[in-house]
Protein backbone atom coordinates (compact mmCIF):
# COMPACT_ATOMS: atom_id res chain seq x y z
CA MET A 1 0.09 -0.01 0.13
CA ASN A 2 1.20 3.67 -0.91
CA GLN A 3 1.21 4.69 2.88
CA THR A 4 0.87 8.72 1.84
CA PRO A 5 -2.65 9.73 2.99
CA ILE A 6 -4.74 10.84 0.44
CA ASN A 7 -8.36 11.96 -0.20
CA VAL A 8 -9.84 10.86 -3.35
CA ILE A 9 -12.24 12.48 -5.68
CA TRP A 10 -14.42 9.96 -6.95
CA LEU A 11 -15.80 12.51 -10.30
CA ARG A 12 -19.35 11.19 -11.83
CA ARG A 13 -21.00 13.63 -12.72
CA ASP A 14 -19.21 16.19 -12.58
CA LEU A 15 -16.33 16.37 -15.01
CA ARG A 16 -14.43 19.25 -14.11
CA ILE A 17 -11.62 20.77 -12.17
CA GLU A 18 -12.79 23.97 -12.16
CA ASP A 19 -15.95 25.08 -9.97
CA ASN A 20 -16.05 21.88 -8.43
CA THR A 21 -17.41 21.31 -4.77
CA ALA A 22 -16.19 17.98 -4.68
CA ILE A 23 -12.43 19.47 -5.18
CA GLU A 24 -13.09 22.67 -3.16
CA THR A 25 -14.09 20.78 0.08
CA ALA A 26 -11.55 18.04 -0.24
CA SER A 27 -8.83 20.80 -0.31
CA ARG A 28 -9.85 22.08 2.86
CA GLN A 29 -8.09 18.93 4.69
CA ASN A 30 -4.96 19.63 3.34
CA LEU A 31 -3.94 16.10 2.32
CA PRO A 32 -3.04 15.04 -1.57
CA ILE A 33 -6.30 14.60 -3.95
CA LEU A 34 -6.37 11.58 -6.35
CA LEU A 35 -9.29 12.10 -9.03
CA LEU A 36 -10.69 8.81 -10.13
CA PHE A 37 -13.42 8.22 -12.75
CA ILE A 38 -15.17 4.58 -13.02
CA PHE A 39 -16.21 3.21 -16.00
CA ASP A 40 -18.99 1.49 -14.63
CA GLU A 41 -19.21 -1.91 -16.33
CA SER A 42 -22.87 -2.66 -15.33
CA ILE A 43 -23.99 0.75 -17.07
CA LEU A 44 -21.79 0.56 -20.16
CA ASN A 45 -22.61 -3.42 -21.16
CA GLU A 46 -26.18 -1.90 -21.89
CA LEU A 47 -24.56 0.86 -24.43
CA PRO A 48 -23.40 0.23 -28.18
CA LYS A 49 -19.70 0.10 -28.65
CA ASP A 50 -19.78 3.42 -30.08
CA ASP A 51 -21.80 5.46 -27.87
CA ALA A 52 -21.55 9.11 -28.42
CA ARG A 53 -22.16 9.81 -24.94
CA VAL A 54 -19.19 7.58 -23.59
CA ASN A 55 -16.89 8.84 -26.52
CA PHE A 56 -18.35 12.37 -25.06
CA ILE A 57 -17.27 11.70 -21.26
CA TYR A 58 -14.11 10.36 -22.95
CA LYS A 59 -13.02 13.78 -24.48
CA GLN A 60 -13.97 15.38 -21.04
CA LEU A 61 -11.52 13.42 -19.18
CA GLU A 62 -8.80 13.89 -21.28
CA LYS A 63 -9.37 17.61 -20.79
CA ILE A 64 -9.38 17.08 -17.44
CA ASN A 65 -6.14 14.77 -17.93
CA HIS A 66 -4.26 17.51 -19.48
CA GLY A 67 -5.48 19.96 -16.79
CA LEU A 68 -3.81 17.67 -14.11
CA ALA A 69 -0.65 17.81 -16.01
CA ALA A 70 0.08 21.48 -14.94
CA HIS A 71 0.33 20.33 -11.44
CA ASN A 72 2.27 17.27 -11.72
CA SER A 73 -0.42 14.74 -11.52
CA SER A 74 -3.04 12.70 -13.94
CA LEU A 75 -6.21 11.08 -13.59
CA LEU A 76 -6.97 7.18 -12.77
CA ILE A 77 -9.06 5.93 -14.92
CA LYS A 78 -10.53 2.33 -13.54
CA LYS A 79 -13.22 -0.10 -15.76
CA GLY A 80 -15.13 -2.41 -14.09
CA GLU A 81 -17.56 -3.64 -11.35
CA ILE A 82 -18.02 -0.40 -8.53
CA GLN A 83 -17.63 -2.62 -5.66
CA THR A 84 -14.43 -4.69 -6.83
CA ILE A 85 -12.78 -1.60 -8.18
CA TRP A 86 -13.26 -0.12 -4.93
CA LYS A 87 -11.86 -2.63 -2.71
CA GLY A 88 -8.76 -2.99 -4.93
CA LEU A 89 -8.28 1.10 -4.05
CA THR A 90 -8.52 0.52 -0.43
CA LYS A 91 -5.59 -1.99 -0.74
CA GLU A 92 -3.76 -0.08 -2.58
CA TYR A 93 -4.30 3.48 -1.42
CA ASN A 94 -4.21 4.86 2.14
CA ILE A 95 -8.05 6.86 1.80
CA HIS A 96 -8.75 9.06 4.41
CA THR A 97 -12.21 10.57 2.54
CA VAL A 98 -13.91 9.85 -0.82
CA PHE A 99 -15.62 12.87 -1.92
CA CYS A 100 -18.02 12.76 -4.78
CA ALA A 101 -20.81 14.80 -6.07
CA LYS A 102 -24.03 13.81 -4.68
CA ASP A 103 -26.42 11.82 -7.34
CA TYR A 104 -30.15 11.70 -7.20
CA GLU A 105 -31.09 9.16 -9.15
CA PRO A 106 -32.38 5.49 -7.82
CA TYR A 107 -29.78 3.47 -9.33
CA ALA A 108 -27.15 5.82 -7.85
CA ILE A 109 -28.80 5.56 -4.64
CA GLN A 110 -28.02 2.51 -4.17
CA ARG A 111 -24.91 2.30 -5.31
CA ASP A 112 -23.44 5.34 -3.32
CA LYS A 113 -24.99 3.19 -0.65
CA LEU A 114 -23.49 0.08 -0.84
CA VAL A 115 -20.14 1.74 -1.52
CA SER A 116 -20.36 3.68 1.58
CA GLN A 117 -20.54 0.56 3.32
CA LEU A 118 -17.70 -0.91 1.87
CA LEU A 119 -15.23 2.10 2.65
CA SER A 120 -16.18 2.52 6.43
CA GLN A 121 -15.16 -1.01 6.46
CA SER A 122 -11.92 -0.11 6.00
CA GLY A 123 -12.04 3.26 8.11
CA THR A 124 -12.60 5.49 5.04
CA ARG A 125 -14.77 8.24 5.13
CA PHE A 126 -17.53 8.74 1.94
CA GLU A 127 -18.46 12.22 1.69
CA GLN A 128 -21.04 13.35 -0.90
CA VAL A 129 -21.29 17.28 -1.68
CA LYS A 130 -24.04 19.59 -3.71
CA ASP A 131 -22.72 20.08 -7.40
CA GLN A 132 -25.00 19.56 -9.76
CA VAL A 133 -28.00 21.67 -8.82
CA ILE A 134 -28.45 24.83 -6.77
CA PHE A 135 -31.26 23.26 -4.62
CA GLU A 136 -30.98 19.75 -3.97
CA GLU A 137 -34.23 17.47 -2.65
CA ASN A 138 -35.13 18.43 0.51
CA ASP A 139 -34.11 22.40 0.20
CA ILE A 140 -37.25 23.41 -1.27
CA LEU A 141 -40.29 21.83 0.50
CA LYS A 142 -43.51 23.03 0.91
CA ALA A 143 -44.25 24.30 4.69
CA ASP A 144 -45.25 21.13 5.71
CA GLY A 145 -42.19 19.79 5.09
CA THR A 146 -43.45 17.63 1.61
CA PRO A 147 -41.73 17.73 -1.72
CA TYR A 148 -43.75 19.71 -4.21
CA THR A 149 -45.37 18.71 -7.38
CA VAL A 150 -46.62 21.34 -9.07
CA TYR A 151 -43.83 23.25 -10.90
CA THR A 152 -45.06 27.12 -10.36
CA PRO A 153 -45.02 26.98 -6.40
CA TYR A 154 -41.96 25.01 -6.61
CA LYS A 155 -40.35 27.63 -9.01
CA ASN A 156 -41.63 30.56 -6.97
CA LYS A 157 -39.91 29.49 -3.45
CA TRP A 158 -36.55 28.09 -5.50
CA LEU A 159 -36.55 32.12 -6.73
CA GLU A 160 -37.00 33.37 -3.48
CA LYS A 161 -34.22 31.14 -1.63
CA PHE A 162 -31.69 31.52 -4.43
CA TYR A 163 -32.85 35.92 -4.46
CA GLN A 164 -32.10 36.05 -0.16
CA PRO A 165 -28.99 37.54 0.68
CA ARG A 166 -26.66 34.25 0.12
CA LEU A 167 -22.87 35.12 0.32
CA ILE A 168 -20.93 33.71 -2.80
CA GLN A 169 -17.58 31.54 -2.66
CA LYS A 170 -16.71 31.40 -6.02
CA TRP A 171 -13.68 28.54 -5.78
CA LYS A 172 -10.98 28.95 -8.31
CA GLU A 173 -8.49 26.00 -9.86
CA ASN A 174 -5.72 28.22 -8.03
CA ASN A 175 -7.43 27.45 -4.62
CA GLN A 176 -4.99 25.09 -1.94
CA ALA A 177 -5.48 22.11 -3.70
CA ILE A 178 -2.67 19.72 -3.23
CA TYR A 179 -2.89 17.00 -6.18
CA PHE A 180 -1.72 13.78 -5.69
CA GLN A 181 1.67 13.19 -8.00
CA ALA A 182 1.29 10.45 -10.13
CA ASP A 183 1.76 9.47 -13.73
CA TYR A 184 -0.92 7.15 -14.94
CA THR A 185 -1.30 5.83 -18.34
CA PHE A 186 -4.22 7.43 -19.85
CA PRO A 187 -6.19 4.64 -21.52
CA SER A 188 -7.26 4.29 -24.69
CA ARG A 189 -10.94 3.66 -26.03
CA THR A 190 -9.45 0.25 -27.22
CA GLU A 191 -8.45 -0.62 -23.68
CA LEU A 192 -11.74 1.03 -22.39
CA GLY A 193 -13.70 -1.66 -24.96
CA PHE A 194 -15.30 0.98 -26.71
CA LYS A 195 -14.83 2.61 -30.05
CA GLN A 196 -14.80 6.02 -31.49
CA SER A 197 -18.29 7.60 -32.82
CA ASN A 198 -19.32 9.28 -35.96
CA ARG A 199 -21.74 11.16 -33.68
CA SER A 200 -20.10 14.08 -31.66
CA VAL A 201 -21.68 16.26 -29.32
CA LYS A 202 -21.97 19.83 -30.55
CA PRO A 203 -19.52 22.88 -28.36
CA PHE A 204 -22.43 25.01 -26.55
CA SER A 205 -22.86 28.56 -27.17
CA LEU A 206 -24.64 31.06 -24.71
CA ASP A 207 -24.35 33.99 -27.20
CA GLN A 208 -27.89 33.91 -27.91
CA LEU A 209 -29.48 33.91 -24.42
CA LYS A 210 -30.66 37.22 -24.60
CA ASN A 211 -33.06 36.15 -27.75
CA TYR A 212 -33.65 33.22 -25.64
CA GLN A 213 -37.60 33.67 -25.39
CA ASP A 214 -37.88 34.53 -28.65
CA LYS A 215 -36.54 32.15 -30.54
CA ARG A 216 -36.97 28.96 -28.43
CA ASP A 217 -40.21 27.82 -30.17
CA TYR A 218 -38.86 27.85 -33.46
CA PRO A 219 -36.84 24.56 -34.76
CA GLY A 220 -35.74 26.25 -38.36
CA LEU A 221 -33.87 29.00 -36.58
CA ASP A 222 -31.30 26.72 -34.95
CA ALA A 223 -30.66 29.00 -32.14
CA THR A 224 -30.14 25.92 -29.62
CA SER A 225 -27.26 26.62 -27.23
CA TYR A 226 -26.79 22.75 -27.28
CA LEU A 227 -25.72 23.24 -23.12
CA SER A 228 -27.77 20.45 -22.47
CA PRO A 229 -25.45 17.33 -22.16
CA TYR A 230 -22.38 19.68 -20.68
CA LEU A 231 -24.73 20.23 -17.62
CA ARG A 232 -25.76 16.40 -17.91
CA PHE A 233 -22.17 14.98 -17.44
CA GLY A 234 -20.88 18.36 -15.29
CA SER A 235 -18.12 19.62 -17.52
CA ILE A 236 -19.39 23.10 -16.62
CA SER A 237 -20.75 24.44 -13.28
CA ILE A 238 -24.30 24.80 -13.27
CA ARG A 239 -23.54 27.84 -11.18
CA GLN A 240 -21.91 29.42 -13.83
CA VAL A 241 -24.88 28.74 -15.61
CA VAL A 242 -27.27 30.09 -13.59
CA ASP A 243 -25.55 33.31 -12.30
CA LEU A 244 -25.43 34.23 -16.13
CA ALA A 245 -29.24 32.91 -16.85
CA ASN A 246 -30.38 35.17 -13.65
CA GLN A 247 -28.73 38.25 -15.46
CA VAL A 248 -29.40 37.79 -18.82
CA ASN A 249 -32.76 35.54 -19.37
CA GLN A 250 -35.32 34.87 -16.59
CA THR A 251 -37.11 32.22 -19.45
CA PHE A 252 -33.93 30.44 -19.53
CA LEU A 253 -33.44 30.41 -15.82
CA SER A 254 -36.58 28.51 -15.35
CA GLU A 255 -35.77 26.06 -17.95
CA LEU A 256 -33.16 25.37 -15.93
CA ILE A 257 -35.18 25.09 -12.98
CA TRP A 258 -37.70 22.47 -14.12
CA ARG A 259 -34.45 20.56 -14.23
CA GLU A 260 -34.22 20.23 -10.85
CA PHE A 261 -38.17 20.08 -10.25
CA PHE A 262 -38.06 17.16 -12.18
CA MET A 263 -34.69 15.85 -10.15
CA GLN A 264 -36.16 16.54 -6.91
CA ILE A 265 -39.59 14.20 -8.10
CA LEU A 266 -37.84 11.58 -8.88
CA TYR A 267 -36.24 11.53 -5.67
CA HIS A 268 -39.26 11.34 -4.17
CA PHE A 269 -41.28 9.15 -6.11
CA PRO A 270 -38.50 6.96 -7.42
CA ARG A 271 -41.74 4.76 -8.57
CA VAL A 272 -41.97 7.15 -11.38
CA VAL A 273 -39.25 5.49 -13.13
CA SER A 274 -41.73 3.01 -14.35
CA GLU A 275 -45.47 3.88 -13.18
CA SER A 276 -47.37 6.91 -14.02
CA PHE A 277 -47.21 9.81 -11.11
CA LYS A 278 -50.82 9.75 -11.52
CA PRO A 279 -51.71 5.77 -10.88
CA LYS A 280 -54.75 6.24 -12.66
CA TYR A 281 -52.95 6.77 -15.91
CA ASP A 282 -51.67 3.21 -15.57
CA ASN A 283 -55.11 2.10 -16.51
CA ILE A 284 -55.01 3.17 -19.92
CA GLN A 285 -55.44 1.12 -22.47
CA TRP A 286 -52.44 1.42 -24.94
CA ILE A 287 -53.46 0.00 -28.88
CA ASN A 288 -48.78 -0.29 -28.80
CA ASN A 289 -48.96 -0.97 -32.37
CA GLU A 290 -45.48 -1.75 -33.56
CA GLY A 291 -45.73 -1.30 -36.88
CA GLN A 292 -46.49 2.53 -35.96
CA PHE A 293 -43.93 2.62 -33.41
CA GLN A 294 -41.71 1.43 -36.05
CA ASN A 295 -43.37 4.52 -38.30
CA TRP A 296 -42.73 6.92 -35.67
CA CYS A 297 -39.07 5.92 -34.70
CA LYS A 298 -38.20 6.16 -38.17
CA GLY A 299 -39.80 9.65 -39.00
CA GLN A 300 -42.06 7.75 -41.60
CA THR A 301 -45.42 8.82 -40.31
CA GLY A 302 -46.64 11.17 -42.70
CA TYR A 303 -46.57 14.41 -40.24
CA PRO A 304 -43.79 16.37 -41.01
CA ILE A 305 -42.98 18.44 -37.86
CA VAL A 306 -43.11 14.89 -36.31
CA ASP A 307 -40.43 13.19 -38.76
CA ALA A 308 -37.91 15.58 -39.10
CA GLY A 309 -37.90 15.59 -35.47
CA MET A 310 -37.21 11.60 -35.12
CA ARG A 311 -34.99 12.08 -37.77
CA GLN A 312 -32.91 14.96 -36.40
CA LEU A 313 -32.84 12.53 -33.14
CA ASN A 314 -31.47 9.75 -34.92
CA GLN A 315 -29.18 11.23 -37.13
CA THR A 316 -27.58 13.52 -34.15
CA GLY A 317 -29.11 12.88 -30.85
CA TYR A 318 -30.34 16.35 -30.53
CA MET A 319 -34.29 17.11 -31.36
CA HIS A 320 -35.05 20.79 -30.54
CA ASN A 321 -37.66 21.07 -27.46
CA ARG A 322 -40.67 22.31 -29.19
CA VAL A 323 -40.39 19.18 -31.30
CA ARG A 324 -40.05 17.42 -28.62
CA MET A 325 -43.29 18.10 -27.18
CA VAL A 326 -44.98 17.11 -30.66
CA THR A 327 -43.58 13.96 -31.25
CA ALA A 328 -44.17 12.75 -27.58
CA SER A 329 -47.42 13.82 -27.94
CA PHE A 330 -48.46 12.58 -30.91
CA LEU A 331 -47.30 8.83 -29.83
CA CYS A 332 -49.16 8.83 -26.79
CA LYS A 333 -52.22 10.90 -28.24
CA HIS A 334 -52.43 9.93 -31.74
CA LEU A 335 -51.16 6.31 -32.03
CA LEU A 336 -52.03 5.64 -28.13
CA ILE A 337 -48.54 4.00 -27.16
CA ASP A 338 -47.11 3.67 -23.78
CA TRP A 339 -45.45 6.89 -22.89
CA ARG A 340 -42.88 4.11 -21.77
CA TRP A 341 -41.85 3.08 -25.12
CA GLY A 342 -41.11 6.56 -26.28
CA GLU A 343 -39.16 7.06 -23.64
CA ALA A 344 -37.03 4.48 -23.48
CA TYR A 345 -36.38 5.30 -27.26
CA PHE A 346 -35.34 9.00 -26.32
CA ALA A 347 -33.16 7.32 -24.03
CA SER A 348 -31.28 5.47 -26.52
CA LYS A 349 -30.78 8.71 -28.74
CA LEU A 350 -30.65 11.54 -26.90
CA LEU A 351 -26.80 12.90 -26.44
CA ASP A 352 -28.00 14.95 -23.11
CA TYR A 353 -30.57 11.95 -21.72
CA GLU A 354 -31.01 12.66 -18.34
CA LEU A 355 -33.72 10.09 -15.96
CA SER A 356 -35.28 12.58 -14.31
CA SER A 357 -35.70 15.17 -17.29
CA ASN A 358 -37.17 12.65 -20.03
CA ASN A 359 -39.16 10.89 -17.41
CA GLY A 360 -40.58 14.23 -16.62
CA ASN A 361 -41.62 15.46 -19.90
CA TRP A 362 -42.84 12.35 -21.48
CA GLN A 363 -45.17 11.77 -18.41
CA TRP A 364 -45.83 15.66 -18.85
CA ALA A 365 -46.51 15.05 -22.69
CA ALA A 366 -48.61 12.08 -21.90
CA GLY A 367 -50.81 13.86 -19.41
CA CYS A 368 -49.40 10.86 -16.55
CA GLY A 369 -46.80 13.03 -14.60
CA CYS A 370 -47.09 15.86 -12.24
CA ASP A 371 -48.42 19.18 -12.89
CA ALA A 372 -48.72 17.59 -16.48
CA ALA A 373 -50.70 18.79 -19.66
CA PRO A 374 -54.20 17.64 -19.38
CA TYR A 375 -55.29 14.33 -21.00
CA PHE A 376 -58.02 16.69 -23.77
CA ARG A 377 -54.61 18.42 -24.88
CA VAL A 378 -53.74 16.97 -27.80
CA PHE A 379 -50.98 18.65 -30.56
CA ASN A 380 -52.33 19.32 -33.73
CA PRO A 381 -48.89 18.53 -35.60
CA SER A 382 -50.22 20.14 -38.49
CA ILE A 383 -51.26 23.48 -36.75
CA GLN A 384 -47.77 23.19 -34.64
CA LEU A 385 -46.09 22.81 -38.05
CA THR A 386 -47.62 26.12 -39.56
CA LYS A 387 -47.06 27.93 -36.56
CA PHE A 388 -43.39 27.25 -35.49
CA ASP A 389 -41.93 26.52 -39.14
CA LYS A 390 -44.20 28.20 -41.60
CA ASP A 391 -41.42 28.23 -44.55
CA LEU A 392 -40.73 24.56 -43.66
CA GLU A 393 -36.79 25.65 -43.07
CA TYR A 394 -36.48 22.49 -40.12
CA VAL A 395 -39.07 19.88 -41.93
CA LYS A 396 -36.81 20.36 -45.44
CA LYS A 397 -33.53 19.91 -43.44
CA TRP A 398 -34.61 16.82 -42.49
CA ILE A 399 -36.92 15.40 -44.81
CA PRO A 400 -35.44 16.20 -48.48
CA GLU A 401 -38.24 13.78 -50.03
CA LEU A 402 -41.00 16.23 -48.79
CA LEU A 403 -42.50 17.60 -51.67
CA SER A 404 -41.61 15.03 -53.37
CA GLY A 405 -44.48 11.90 -54.28
CA ASP A 406 -41.70 9.97 -52.48
CA TYR A 407 -43.16 10.95 -48.62
CA PRO A 408 -46.00 8.70 -47.11
CA THR A 409 -49.28 10.08 -46.25
CA PRO A 410 -50.79 10.40 -42.89
CA ILE A 411 -50.44 6.99 -41.26
CA VAL A 412 -53.36 8.39 -38.95
CA ASP A 413 -56.10 10.69 -39.36
CA HIS A 414 -55.63 13.56 -36.99
CA SER A 415 -59.47 14.26 -35.66
CA PHE A 416 -60.56 10.85 -35.26
CA SER A 417 -57.14 9.91 -33.26
CA ARG A 418 -57.88 13.24 -31.14
CA LEU A 419 -61.31 11.91 -30.02
CA ARG A 420 -59.47 8.48 -30.17
CA ALA A 421 -57.30 9.18 -27.19
CA ILE A 422 -59.39 11.73 -25.57
CA GLU A 423 -62.08 8.88 -25.20
CA VAL A 424 -59.31 6.05 -24.26
CA TYR A 425 -57.89 8.44 -21.58
CA LYS A 426 -61.59 9.42 -20.13
CA ALA A 427 -62.60 5.83 -19.76
CA ALA A 428 -59.11 5.08 -18.04
CA LEU A 429 -59.57 7.72 -15.18
CA GLN A 430 -63.48 6.91 -14.10
């Protein structure tokens, strides 16, 4: 065993050195800090070898490793079963405390509980810190101590607490952190068992944030910030983004608050992973037509805004937010296909996939979630196209055959499907 006492930073969803709460907290103990990332095989085994999100993580780790070189240190990367790796590390190093950013998803909560128990057996402390959110699961509660399940009062309480006089301490990379002197070999993709992806995460830009509320609903403008994957994996600090949004655009800030709202919903109501937030909605008699589901997946429904969105998703891993709502509503309401089918498909494709937001937004679209759209609200995809892409800039980009005779006719009639959905939902809720 290396006898030098050290602290370990277990990077997970905080893939950066700057403004990293775990590093900041650990540095106060004045012990050398070893940065660690573990590729969890239980997650990797469910993904394709060329998954673009894994490649994005890999690139962020390269940046961190490069940054550590200035401190004569390097990043330790492991791959395998989480507990097995930690058993080996406690034998190899004299670890005083393991610090990590808290994660609020059910799998992560269980994983961290087991790791904490394992570490305690060797006398190692396990300390989780708040990093990926401004306010975590119990920071914003109703007067009776229960969680909010409606967004607007949650948002109001969030803002009230945010604007309270607060001491902002911005930590910089040149603080008192002492990095563990090591020169670990940075593994190749091949050594880690995955391949280079032909799809990549776009650079983000916040330059158009001032006009966010004016452009957000028009997919043809391509005014998206492309920030979400960076927030998902913590390669940018949520504090930095929220402070900027607060100064520049309150509508964008509201979207960031939605993110935290869904996170605390998932934490307090983990059953939503597989069940409707509103239990009665699990009585819906879905049709679940496999052929129509494949039409939807491939962007072959005959409704241009739906098909453009699905093709954008399939080809790039992105989909415009307005279009996400339309495509999700179409699957659940027009085709009467279980929202869980759509949620799983998005989870497999989205570069910014995050369980809480994906689940929350799908349940919102299906009408079964907290503070969801009412079941009788059925988006008309033709009107959505006219309102938000009237010049067909977006749909022509993704459907080159749109104006030819090769584009399919609608697989369902809107008026018929709307009335059918309302009747089926109504019957389930009686």
